[in-house]
Each structure stands twice: as C-alpha cells, then as structure tokens.
Amino acid sequence: MDVVNSSDYAMYKSAVARVLNDSEQLPSLSGITQDIRHALVRSDSCAHSLSKVIERDTELSQLLLRYASSVMMHNYMPPQSVFDVVRILGVAQVERVTMLHAVKALFSGNTQAYTRVFAAAWDRLITKASMSALIAKKVGLVAPDYALLGSLLSEVGTLAVLSVFKSGDLPVPDRDTYVALCREFAKSLGIALLQKWEMDEEYIQLVRQVGNWQAAEHDPFGLIDVINLGLYHSLKARMTANRLPPISHLAAYQKLTEKHSAITDTNELEIVVIHRDDIRAIADSLY
C-alpha cells in the first residue's frame, strides 16, 4: 500500500509539518511537573518538602508507590507513603518516573478513536522500555530507571506525531498512515520536543541513535546499548524479526560479557526470555 502518495497522507503530513515548524505548538510540560523538577534541583529540598509537592498530583503519587513496590525495587520494604518513596528511590529515580508520568498525561486524549491509537502506542513504548529496564537491571551497568525513561524518550516523537490529531480537527489516521508519518517526522519532532522541555543532551542523542544497530560501537556499554537491545526484542515480539539482523551483529550485544550474552534458539537474549514475567510486571506498574 502506497499511503505516502495518497491525498489523505498529504493532508496529514501538512498538519504534522506545521507543528514541527512552530515549536509553540508542541506540548509543554504541566505546571506540577515543572514544580517537581524545580524542587528536585533546589539545594534546600528535602524528602519531606519534595513529597509535599508530589502529593499535589494524585496519579503521580500512586504511580510512584506502585513503581517503588514493583520487581524493580524488590530489595526494599514496600513504601507506605510518598515520603517513603522519595526516601527509597532518591531524587534521580523520582525525577525519571515523574517524567514518565508527565509524558503519558501530556499525550493522553479523550476521544475514543484517539485513545485507541494512543493506548496501542503507549503499550508498545512501555513494553520496550520495560525490556530495556530489565536488561539494565541484569547487566548492572546502567540504572534501570534511567534505561526506562531513556527508552521512552527515545521515541517520544511518535507520541508527538499522534498528538497533532488530539484536538479532533482532523480524524485520527489509520495505523499505516500513522506509521508512515512516524517514519518521516518522529525523530525531528522528538528532538524538538526534548529541546523545548530542556532535557539533557544525552536524551536528545538517544533520539538520533535509537534503531541504529551499530550506534556507539566503540564506546563502553551504555544507555543507547540497553535501549537498542530493548528495541530489538520488542520488534521480535511484534513479529518483525524477518527485517532484523542476527542479534550477534548488534554493537550492543558485542559489548555484553559472557555471563549476559547467552542466546536462545529464537535469537533472543536468554536474560530477556526467562524474565518475561518480570518485564510484564514492570510494565504493569507503569499504567
């Protein structure tokens, strides 16, 4: 099917291009998210004052409680309050989970058609991010919550593409048209969005590198490697394996130690296959 040459695609493309060319049309982080980010970097912030700011957002408070009680943090006693969460997770992890919540809240919609497409997109991104987090946890060289947020932000442009149709001025595109729009615009929109949010340059680099199986091939094992391994396995799970190289060809795989590099007969990392329940549990804690 040649959606790119259709008149409908031209209409959708024009709408997305207008947003890309005007950063003011890109969504901004909510006021509460910005308040939390500011509180996190203040030198006089303490767990008590930070928890009070977070408690203003009930959904975020519940998400942090679920996350801190999940398999990601199973070495700790389950927290009973937001104060416990801040004390257990620490500032860096709280900031990353806060950003994850902010992204979901920012791009969620109200109409049935939009919600259906968003739910499918969010499920894909969260599953991929949970795979990256699990790999990070097992390999031990990248913080799992860092991998979680990095994986999500590396494809935030796909949500930005969808958000163009949130207002209802145009009908939500069908799946093939949406995929084509993402291929054309997602990286550029993702970079513009992260720059608007003043995210660290490392996250912006992830947008540029994700899906490049030879990215950072001469660097030590790092964030992009965890995210590309998560992406690889999520693509395998979505039955696109015929378009993937053998996992052994990935720069990220070649950096793994023997302890973590075992491959199953399905050409997947053994640490992913035997921990699928944990991956699902991580994903479930983020809804």
C-alpha atoms as a PDB file:
ATOM      1  CA  MET A   1       0.000   0.000   0.000  1.00  0.00           C
ATOM      2  CA  ASP A   2       1.352   3.400  -1.001  1.00  0.00           C
ATOM      3  CA  VAL A   3      -0.053   5.697   1.704  1.00  0.00           C
ATOM      4  CA  VAL A   4       2.688   8.244   1.083  1.00  0.00           C
ATOM      5  CA  ASN A   5       1.238   9.246  -2.281  1.00  0.00           C
ATOM      6  CA  SER A   6      -2.392   9.444  -1.176  1.00  0.00           C
ATOM      7  CA  SER A   7      -4.217  12.756  -0.839  1.00  0.00           C
ATOM      8  CA  ASP A   8      -5.117  11.857   2.744  1.00  0.00           C
ATOM      9  CA  TYR A   9      -1.457  11.385   3.588  1.00  0.00           C
ATOM     10  CA  ALA A  10      -0.631  14.813   2.120  1.00  0.00           C
ATOM     11  CA  MET A  11      -3.249  16.355   4.398  1.00  0.00           C
ATOM     12  CA  TYR A  12      -1.883  14.587   7.483  1.00  0.00           C
ATOM     13  CA  LYS A  13       1.694  15.382   6.504  1.00  0.00           C
ATOM     14  CA  SER A  14       0.890  19.070   6.190  1.00  0.00           C
ATOM     15  CA  ALA A  15      -0.647  19.119   9.679  1.00  0.00           C
ATOM     16  CA  VAL A  16       2.381  17.459  11.277  1.00  0.00           C
ATOM     17  CA  ALA A  17       4.817  19.670   9.373  1.00  0.00           C
ATOM     18  CA  ARG A  18       3.087  22.805  10.683  1.00  0.00           C
ATOM     19  CA  VAL A  19       3.654  21.661  14.264  1.00  0.00           C
ATOM     20  CA  LEU A  20       7.280  20.766  13.561  1.00  0.00           C
ATOM     21  CA  ASN A  21       7.882  24.240  12.134  1.00  0.00           C
ATOM     22  CA  ASP A  22       6.328  26.022  15.112  1.00  0.00           C
ATOM     23  CA  SER A  23       7.694  24.906  18.475  1.00  0.00           C
ATOM     24  CA  GLU A  24       4.947  26.867  20.245  1.00  0.00           C
ATOM     25  CA  GLN A  25       2.502  24.226  19.032  1.00  0.00           C
ATOM     26  CA  LEU A  26       4.491  21.452  20.697  1.00  0.00           C
ATOM     27  CA  PRO A  27       3.048  20.434  24.076  1.00  0.00           C
ATOM     28  CA  SER A  28       4.641  21.885  27.212  1.00  0.00           C
ATOM     29  CA  LEU A  29       5.183  20.071  30.486  1.00  0.00           C
ATOM     30  CA  SER A  30       2.444  20.633  33.043  1.00  0.00           C
ATOM     31  CA  GLY A  31       2.864  23.152  35.845  1.00  0.00           C
ATOM     32  CA  ILE A  32       3.027  20.445  38.513  1.00  0.00           C
ATOM     33  CA  THR A  33       5.742  18.586  36.567  1.00  0.00           C
ATOM     34  CA  GLN A  34       7.799  21.756  36.306  1.00  0.00           C
ATOM     35  CA  ASP A  35       7.298  22.449  40.039  1.00  0.00           C
ATOM     36  CA  ILE A  36       8.557  18.959  40.864  1.00  0.00           C
ATOM     37  CA  ARG A  37      11.569  19.300  38.551  1.00  0.00           C
ATOM     38  CA  HIS A  38      12.439  22.647  40.144  1.00  0.00           C
ATOM     39  CA  ALA A  39      12.053  21.175  43.637  1.00  0.00           C
ATOM     40  CA  LEU A  40      14.327  18.287  42.701  1.00  0.00           C
ATOM     41  CA  VAL A  41      17.232  20.569  41.818  1.00  0.00           C
ATOM     42  CA  ARG A  42      16.871  23.015  44.716  1.00  0.00           C
ATOM     43  CA  SER A  43      19.733  22.728  47.181  1.00  0.00           C
ATOM     44  CA  ASP A  44      17.401  23.217  50.151  1.00  0.00           C
ATOM     45  CA  SER A  45      14.946  20.487  49.122  1.00  0.00           C
ATOM     46  CA  CYS A  46      14.478  17.565  51.475  1.00  0.00           C
ATOM     47  CA  ALA A  47      12.446  14.352  51.236  1.00  0.00           C
ATOM     48  CA  HIS A  48       9.633  15.912  53.255  1.00  0.00           C
ATOM     49  CA  SER A  49       9.281  19.078  51.139  1.00  0.00           C
ATOM     50  CA  LEU A  50       9.609  17.166  47.885  1.00  0.00           C
ATOM     51  CA  SER A  51       6.963  14.640  48.922  1.00  0.00           C
ATOM     52  CA  LYS A  52       4.563  17.502  49.679  1.00  0.00           C
ATOM     53  CA  VAL A  53       4.950  18.824  46.132  1.00  0.00           C
ATOM     54  CA  ILE A  54       4.450  15.351  44.627  1.00  0.00           C
ATOM     55  CA  GLU A  55       1.342  14.712  46.721  1.00  0.00           C
ATOM     56  CA  ARG A  56      -0.396  17.510  44.807  1.00  0.00           C
ATOM     57  CA  ASP A  57      -0.570  15.065  41.866  1.00  0.00           C
ATOM     58  CA  THR A  58      -2.603  12.045  42.996  1.00  0.00           C
ATOM     59  CA  GLU A  59      -1.932   9.968  39.878  1.00  0.00           C
ATOM     60  CA  LEU A  60       1.819  10.558  40.102  1.00  0.00           C
ATOM     61  CA  SER A  61       1.804   9.652  43.800  1.00  0.00           C
ATOM     62  CA  GLN A  62       0.058   6.366  43.027  1.00  0.00           C
ATOM     63  CA  LEU A  63       2.447   5.617  40.159  1.00  0.00           C
ATOM     64  CA  LEU A  64       5.489   6.209  42.360  1.00  0.00           C
ATOM     65  CA  LEU A  65       4.043   3.946  45.060  1.00  0.00           C
ATOM     66  CA  ARG A  66       3.421   1.158  42.507  1.00  0.00           C
ATOM     67  CA  TYR A  67       6.861   1.571  40.970  1.00  0.00           C
ATOM     68  CA  ALA A  68       8.643   1.554  44.331  1.00  0.00           C
ATOM     69  CA  SER A  69       6.750  -1.634  45.239  1.00  0.00           C
ATOM     70  CA  SER A  70       7.476  -3.370  41.916  1.00  0.00           C
ATOM     71  CA  VAL A  71      10.012  -6.027  40.969  1.00  0.00           C
ATOM     72  CA  MET A  72      12.385  -3.188  40.081  1.00  0.00           C
ATOM     73  CA  MET A  73      12.773  -2.400  43.773  1.00  0.00           C
ATOM     74  CA  HIS A  74      12.181  -5.804  45.362  1.00  0.00           C
ATOM     75  CA  ASN A  75      15.096  -5.417  47.793  1.00  0.00           C
ATOM     76  CA  TYR A  76      13.166  -2.789  49.737  1.00  0.00           C
ATOM     77  CA  MET A  77      10.170  -2.936  52.032  1.00  0.00           C
ATOM     78  CA  PRO A  78       7.064  -1.694  50.173  1.00  0.00           C
ATOM     79  CA  PRO A  79       6.617   2.036  50.850  1.00  0.00           C
ATOM     80  CA  GLN A  80       3.561   3.245  52.730  1.00  0.00           C
ATOM     81  CA  SER A  81       3.688   6.912  51.727  1.00  0.00           C
ATOM     82  CA  VAL A  82       5.114   9.306  49.140  1.00  0.00           C
ATOM     83  CA  PHE A  83       7.715  10.305  51.735  1.00  0.00           C
ATOM     84  CA  ASP A  84       8.805   6.639  51.896  1.00  0.00           C
ATOM     85  CA  VAL A  85       9.014   6.562  48.097  1.00  0.00           C
ATOM     86  CA  VAL A  86      11.252   9.632  47.933  1.00  0.00           C
ATOM     87  CA  ARG A  87      13.468   8.210  50.649  1.00  0.00           C
ATOM     88  CA  ILE A  88      13.732   4.796  48.949  1.00  0.00           C
ATOM     89  CA  LEU A  89      14.086   5.899  45.320  1.00  0.00           C
ATOM     90  CA  GLY A  90      16.145   9.048  45.751  1.00  0.00           C
ATOM     91  CA  VAL A  91      15.999  12.231  43.720  1.00  0.00           C
ATOM     92  CA  ALA A  92      17.232  10.847  40.378  1.00  0.00           C
ATOM     93  CA  GLN A  93      14.730   7.989  40.234  1.00  0.00           C
ATOM     94  CA  VAL A  94      11.846  10.193  41.362  1.00  0.00           C
ATOM     95  CA  GLU A  95      12.655  12.663  38.573  1.00  0.00           C
ATOM     96  CA  ARG A  96      12.718   9.913  35.943  1.00  0.00           C
ATOM     97  CA  VAL A  97       9.436   8.337  36.996  1.00  0.00           C
ATOM     98  CA  THR A  98       7.892  11.826  37.215  1.00  0.00           C
ATOM     99  CA  MET A  99       8.896  12.488  33.607  1.00  0.00           C
ATOM    100  CA  LEU A 100       7.455   9.161  32.504  1.00  0.00           C
ATOM    101  CA  HIS A 101       4.138  10.042  34.153  1.00  0.00           C
ATOM    102  CA  ALA A 102       4.247  13.537  32.614  1.00  0.00           C
ATOM    103  CA  VAL A 103       4.664  12.126  29.113  1.00  0.00           C
ATOM    104  CA  LYS A 104       1.686   9.811  29.494  1.00  0.00           C
ATOM    105  CA  ALA A 105      -0.513  12.559  30.937  1.00  0.00           C
ATOM    106  CA  LEU A 106       0.549  15.011  28.242  1.00  0.00           C
ATOM    107  CA  PHE A 107      -0.340  12.788  25.307  1.00  0.00           C
ATOM    108  CA  SER A 108      -3.439  11.010  26.636  1.00  0.00           C
ATOM    109  CA  GLY A 109      -6.691  12.006  24.946  1.00  0.00           C
ATOM    110  CA  ASN A 110     -10.441  11.895  25.424  1.00  0.00           C
ATOM    111  CA  THR A 111     -11.971  10.703  22.164  1.00  0.00           C
ATOM    112  CA  GLN A 112     -12.452   7.004  21.562  1.00  0.00           C
ATOM    113  CA  ALA A 113     -10.550   6.960  18.264  1.00  0.00           C
ATOM    114  CA  TYR A 114      -7.566   8.848  19.679  1.00  0.00           C
ATOM    115  CA  THR A 115      -7.494   6.824  22.908  1.00  0.00           C
ATOM    116  CA  ARG A 116      -7.458   3.550  20.980  1.00  0.00           C
ATOM    117  CA  VAL A 117      -4.391   4.533  18.934  1.00  0.00           C
ATOM    118  CA  PHE A 118      -2.672   6.135  21.925  1.00  0.00           C
ATOM    119  CA  ALA A 119      -3.211   3.029  24.088  1.00  0.00           C
ATOM    120  CA  ALA A 120      -1.598   0.818  21.445  1.00  0.00           C
ATOM    121  CA  ALA A 121       1.334   3.222  21.054  1.00  0.00           C
ATOM    122  CA  TRP A 122       1.807   3.550  24.816  1.00  0.00           C
ATOM    123  CA  ASP A 123       1.685  -0.212  25.315  1.00  0.00           C
ATOM    124  CA  ARG A 124       4.401  -0.681  22.701  1.00  0.00           C
ATOM    125  CA  LEU A 125       6.635   2.011  24.208  1.00  0.00           C
ATOM    126  CA  ILE A 126       6.166   0.786  27.784  1.00  0.00           C
ATOM    127  CA  THR A 127       6.840  -2.830  26.828  1.00  0.00           C
ATOM    128  CA  LYS A 128      10.031  -1.769  25.049  1.00  0.00           C
ATOM    129  CA  ALA A 129      11.068   0.428  27.967  1.00  0.00           C
ATOM    130  CA  SER A 130      10.403  -2.389  30.435  1.00  0.00           C
ATOM    131  CA  MET A 131      12.596  -4.722  28.385  1.00  0.00           C
ATOM    132  CA  SER A 132      15.363  -2.117  28.454  1.00  0.00           C
ATOM    133  CA  ALA A 133      14.946  -1.694  32.215  1.00  0.00           C
ATOM    134  CA  LEU A 134      15.111  -5.453  32.798  1.00  0.00           C
ATOM    135  CA  ILE A 135      18.261  -5.768  30.677  1.00  0.00           C
ATOM    136  CA  ALA A 136      19.817  -2.837  32.557  1.00  0.00           C
ATOM    137  CA  LYS A 137      18.972  -4.440  35.892  1.00  0.00           C
ATOM    138  CA  LYS A 138      20.505  -7.776  34.921  1.00  0.00           C
ATOM    139  CA  VAL A 139      23.629  -6.400  33.241  1.00  0.00           C
ATOM    140  CA  GLY A 140      24.163  -3.869  36.023  1.00  0.00           C
ATOM    141  CA  LEU A 141      25.970  -1.093  34.145  1.00  0.00           C
ATOM    142  CA  VAL A 142      23.038   1.292  33.629  1.00  0.00           C
ATOM    143  CA  ALA A 143      20.435   2.283  36.226  1.00  0.00           C
ATOM    144  CA  PRO A 144      17.122   0.562  35.313  1.00  0.00           C
ATOM    145  CA  ASP A 145      15.001   3.704  35.773  1.00  0.00           C
ATOM    146  CA  TYR A 146      17.479   5.599  33.570  1.00  0.00           C
ATOM    147  CA  ALA A 147      17.003   2.950  30.871  1.00  0.00           C
ATOM    148  CA  LEU A 148      13.235   3.099  31.358  1.00  0.00           C
ATOM    149  CA  LEU A 149      12.972   6.839  30.803  1.00  0.00           C
ATOM    150  CA  GLY A 150      15.659   6.889  28.106  1.00  0.00           C
ATOM    151  CA  SER A 151      13.820   4.218  26.141  1.00  0.00           C
ATOM    152  CA  LEU A 152      10.536   6.087  26.371  1.00  0.00           C
ATOM    153  CA  LEU A 153      12.021   9.454  25.410  1.00  0.00           C
ATOM    154  CA  SER A 154      13.956   7.947  22.517  1.00  0.00           C
ATOM    155  CA  GLU A 155      10.608   7.509  20.726  1.00  0.00           C
ATOM    156  CA  VAL A 156       8.597  10.346  22.259  1.00  0.00           C
ATOM    157  CA  GLY A 157       8.338  11.784  18.760  1.00  0.00           C
ATOM    158  CA  THR A 158       5.895   9.017  17.827  1.00  0.00           C
ATOM    159  CA  LEU A 159       3.546  10.324  20.523  1.00  0.00           C
ATOM    160  CA  ALA A 160       4.135  13.890  19.333  1.00  0.00           C
ATOM    161  CA  VAL A 161       3.022  12.847  15.842  1.00  0.00           C
ATOM    162  CA  LEU A 162      -0.167  11.394  17.272  1.00  0.00           C
ATOM    163  CA  SER A 163      -0.839  14.445  19.439  1.00  0.00           C
ATOM    164  CA  VAL A 164      -1.294  16.571  16.297  1.00  0.00           C
ATOM    165  CA  PHE A 165      -4.693  14.856  15.963  1.00  0.00           C
ATOM    166  CA  LYS A 166      -5.689  15.151  19.616  1.00  0.00           C
ATOM    167  CA  SER A 167      -7.864  18.240  19.082  1.00  0.00           C
ATOM    168  CA  GLY A 168     -10.174  16.420  16.697  1.00  0.00           C
ATOM    169  CA  ASP A 169      -9.749  18.956  13.886  1.00  0.00           C
ATOM    170  CA  LEU A 170      -8.546  16.067  11.742  1.00  0.00           C
ATOM    171  CA  PRO A 171      -9.627  12.427  12.071  1.00  0.00           C
ATOM    172  CA  VAL A 172      -7.089  10.161  13.751  1.00  0.00           C
ATOM    173  CA  PRO A 173      -5.050   8.477  10.994  1.00  0.00           C
ATOM    174  CA  ASP A 174      -5.247   4.735  10.412  1.00  0.00           C
ATOM    175  CA  ARG A 175      -2.344   2.593  11.548  1.00  0.00           C
ATOM    176  CA  ASP A 176      -0.463   2.520   8.232  1.00  0.00           C
ATOM    177  CA  THR A 177      -0.711   6.289   7.815  1.00  0.00           C
ATOM    178  CA  TYR A 178       0.385   6.832  11.413  1.00  0.00           C
ATOM    179  CA  VAL A 179       3.407   4.562  10.933  1.00  0.00           C
ATOM    180  CA  ALA A 180       4.357   6.404   7.730  1.00  0.00           C
ATOM    181  CA  LEU A 181       4.080   9.773   9.493  1.00  0.00           C
ATOM    182  CA  CYS A 182       6.260   8.498  12.332  1.00  0.00           C
ATOM    183  CA  ARG A 183       8.920   7.329   9.914  1.00  0.00           C
ATOM    184  CA  GLU A 184       9.022  10.768   8.338  1.00  0.00           C
ATOM    185  CA  PHE A 185       8.639  13.043  11.371  1.00  0.00           C
ATOM    186  CA  ALA A 186       9.125  11.220  14.695  1.00  0.00           C
ATOM    187  CA  LYS A 187      12.843  11.836  15.143  1.00  0.00           C
ATOM    188  CA  SER A 188      12.653  15.528  14.248  1.00  0.00           C
ATOM    189  CA  LEU A 189       9.618  16.060  16.477  1.00  0.00           C
ATOM    190  CA  GLY A 190      11.228  14.116  19.315  1.00  0.00           C
ATOM    191  CA  ILE A 191      14.370  16.262  19.213  1.00  0.00           C
ATOM    192  CA  ALA A 192      12.355  19.498  19.058  1.00  0.00           C
ATOM    193  CA  LEU A 193      10.176  18.374  21.957  1.00  0.00           C
ATOM    194  CA  LEU A 194      13.061  17.381  24.235  1.00  0.00           C
ATOM    195  CA  GLN A 195      14.820  20.644  23.477  1.00  0.00           C
ATOM    196  CA  LYS A 196      11.667  22.546  24.411  1.00  0.00           C
ATOM    197  CA  TRP A 197      11.483  20.606  27.695  1.00  0.00           C
ATOM    198  CA  GLU A 198      15.177  21.365  28.339  1.00  0.00           C
ATOM    199  CA  MET A 199      16.083  17.711  28.717  1.00  0.00           C
ATOM    200  CA  ASP A 200      19.717  16.650  28.951  1.00  0.00           C
ATOM    201  CA  GLU A 201      21.604  16.356  25.680  1.00  0.00           C
ATOM    202  CA  GLU A 202      22.114  12.632  26.271  1.00  0.00           C
ATOM    203  CA  TYR A 203      18.383  12.017  25.850  1.00  0.00           C
ATOM    204  CA  ILE A 204      18.374  14.022  22.624  1.00  0.00           C
ATOM    205  CA  GLN A 205      21.245  11.908  21.323  1.00  0.00           C
ATOM    206  CA  LEU A 206      19.186   8.791  22.047  1.00  0.00           C
ATOM    207  CA  VAL A 207      16.510  10.001  19.625  1.00  0.00           C
ATOM    208  CA  ARG A 208      19.163  10.292  16.935  1.00  0.00           C
ATOM    209  CA  GLN A 209      20.733   6.891  17.672  1.00  0.00           C
ATOM    210  CA  VAL A 210      17.856   4.562  18.540  1.00  0.00           C
ATOM    211  CA  GLY A 211      17.421   1.857  15.914  1.00  0.00           C
ATOM    212  CA  ASN A 212      20.983   2.246  14.619  1.00  0.00           C
ATOM    213  CA  TRP A 213      22.313  -1.210  15.496  1.00  0.00           C
ATOM    214  CA  GLN A 214      25.923  -0.022  15.233  1.00  0.00           C
ATOM    215  CA  ALA A 215      25.486   3.098  17.368  1.00  0.00           C
ATOM    216  CA  ALA A 216      28.339   3.849  19.799  1.00  0.00           C
ATOM    217  CA  GLU A 217      30.131   0.696  18.686  1.00  0.00           C
ATOM    218  CA  HIS A 218      33.488   1.918  20.002  1.00  0.00           C
ATOM    219  CA  ASP A 219      32.148   3.188  23.337  1.00  0.00           C
ATOM    220  CA  PRO A 220      31.737   1.216  26.569  1.00  0.00           C
ATOM    221  CA  PHE A 221      28.358  -0.404  27.198  1.00  0.00           C
ATOM    222  CA  GLY A 222      25.922   2.396  27.992  1.00  0.00           C
ATOM    223  CA  LEU A 223      22.403   3.752  27.769  1.00  0.00           C
ATOM    224  CA  ILE A 224      21.986   3.516  23.982  1.00  0.00           C
ATOM    225  CA  ASP A 225      23.068  -0.136  24.095  1.00  0.00           C
ATOM    226  CA  VAL A 226      20.427  -1.048  26.676  1.00  0.00           C
ATOM    227  CA  ILE A 227      17.766   0.818  24.690  1.00  0.00           C
ATOM    228  CA  ASN A 228      18.700  -0.763  21.353  1.00  0.00           C
ATOM    229  CA  LEU A 229      18.625  -4.217  22.943  1.00  0.00           C
ATOM    230  CA  GLY A 230      15.174  -3.439  24.336  1.00  0.00           C
ATOM    231  CA  LEU A 231      14.037  -2.184  20.931  1.00  0.00           C
ATOM    232  CA  TYR A 232      15.402  -5.279  19.215  1.00  0.00           C
ATOM    233  CA  HIS A 233      13.470  -7.601  21.495  1.00  0.00           C
ATOM    234  CA  SER A 234      10.275  -5.573  21.255  1.00  0.00           C
ATOM    235  CA  LEU A 235      10.472  -5.759  17.453  1.00  0.00           C
ATOM    236  CA  LYS A 236      10.995  -9.518  17.697  1.00  0.00           C
ATOM    237  CA  ALA A 237       7.891  -9.756  19.862  1.00  0.00           C
ATOM    238  CA  ARG A 238       5.881  -7.828  17.249  1.00  0.00           C
ATOM    239  CA  MET A 239       6.762 -10.323  14.522  1.00  0.00           C
ATOM    240  CA  THR A 240       9.092  -8.112  12.526  1.00  0.00           C
ATOM    241  CA  ALA A 241      12.019 -10.479  13.004  1.00  0.00           C
ATOM    242  CA  ASN A 242      12.419 -11.023   9.264  1.00  0.00           C
ATOM    243  CA  ARG A 243      13.707  -7.447   8.992  1.00  0.00           C
ATOM    244  CA  LEU A 244      16.166  -7.739  11.867  1.00  0.00           C
ATOM    245  CA  PRO A 245      19.821  -8.732  11.725  1.00  0.00           C
ATOM    246  CA  PRO A 246      21.018 -11.568  13.958  1.00  0.00           C
ATOM    247  CA  ILE A 247      21.367 -10.227  17.490  1.00  0.00           C
ATOM    248  CA  SER A 248      25.060 -11.125  17.468  1.00  0.00           C
ATOM    249  CA  HIS A 249      25.567  -8.416  14.812  1.00  0.00           C
ATOM    250  CA  LEU A 250      24.440  -5.632  17.152  1.00  0.00           C
ATOM    251  CA  ALA A 251      27.175  -3.424  18.609  1.00  0.00           C
ATOM    252  CA  ALA A 252      25.297  -3.525  21.922  1.00  0.00           C
ATOM    253  CA  TYR A 253      25.355  -7.330  22.008  1.00  0.00           C
ATOM    254  CA  GLN A 254      29.054  -7.461  21.227  1.00  0.00           C
ATOM    255  CA  LYS A 255      29.762  -5.445  24.400  1.00  0.00           C
ATOM    256  CA  LEU A 256      27.998  -7.922  26.700  1.00  0.00           C
ATOM    257  CA  THR A 257      30.063 -10.184  28.904  1.00  0.00           C
ATOM    258  CA  GLU A 258      29.766 -13.955  28.575  1.00  0.00           C
ATOM    259  CA  LYS A 259      27.579 -14.017  31.698  1.00  0.00           C
ATOM    260  CA  HIS A 260      24.841 -11.995  29.986  1.00  0.00           C
ATOM    261  CA  SER A 261      25.268 -12.865  26.290  1.00  0.00           C
ATOM    262  CA  ALA A 262      23.623 -16.306  26.105  1.00  0.00           C
ATOM    263  CA  ILE A 263      21.212 -16.509  23.150  1.00  0.00           C
ATOM    264  CA  THR A 264      18.164 -18.771  22.817  1.00  0.00           C
ATOM    265  CA  ASP A 265      17.240 -20.697  19.681  1.00  0.00           C
ATOM    266  CA  THR A 266      14.866 -17.835  18.836  1.00  0.00           C
ATOM    267  CA  ASN A 267      17.826 -15.439  18.544  1.00  0.00           C
ATOM    268  CA  GLU A 268      16.968 -13.552  21.743  1.00  0.00           C
ATOM    269  CA  LEU A 269      18.901 -12.866  24.909  1.00  0.00           C
ATOM    270  CA  GLU A 270      18.292 -15.595  27.454  1.00  0.00           C
ATOM    271  CA  ILE A 271      18.029 -12.985  30.225  1.00  0.00           C
ATOM    272  CA  VAL A 272      15.027 -11.500  28.410  1.00  0.00           C
ATOM    273  CA  VAL A 273      13.264 -14.763  27.609  1.00  0.00           C
ATOM    274  CA  ILE A 274      13.447 -16.216  31.122  1.00  0.00           C
ATOM    275  CA  HIS A 275      12.326 -12.953  32.738  1.00  0.00           C
ATOM    276  CA  ARG A 276       9.272 -12.146  30.612  1.00  0.00           C
ATOM    277  CA  ASP A 277       7.056 -12.191  33.702  1.00  0.00           C
ATOM    278  CA  ASP A 278       9.281  -9.582  35.334  1.00  0.00           C
ATOM    279  CA  ILE A 279       9.139  -7.435  32.196  1.00  0.00           C
ATOM    280  CA  ARG A 280       5.348  -7.590  32.233  1.00  0.00           C
ATOM    281  CA  ALA A 281       5.312  -6.742  35.933  1.00  0.00           C
ATOM    282  CA  ILE A 282       7.484  -3.668  35.324  1.00  0.00           C
ATOM    283  CA  ALA A 283       5.155  -2.568  32.522  1.00  0.00           C
ATOM    284  CA  ASP A 284       2.066  -3.169  34.677  1.00  0.00           C
ATOM    285  CA  SER A 285       3.485  -0.934  37.406  1.00  0.00           C
ATOM    286  CA  LEU A 286       3.624   1.965  34.933  1.00  0.00           C
ATOM    287  CA  TYR A 287      -0.054   2.078  33.890  1.00  0.00           C
END
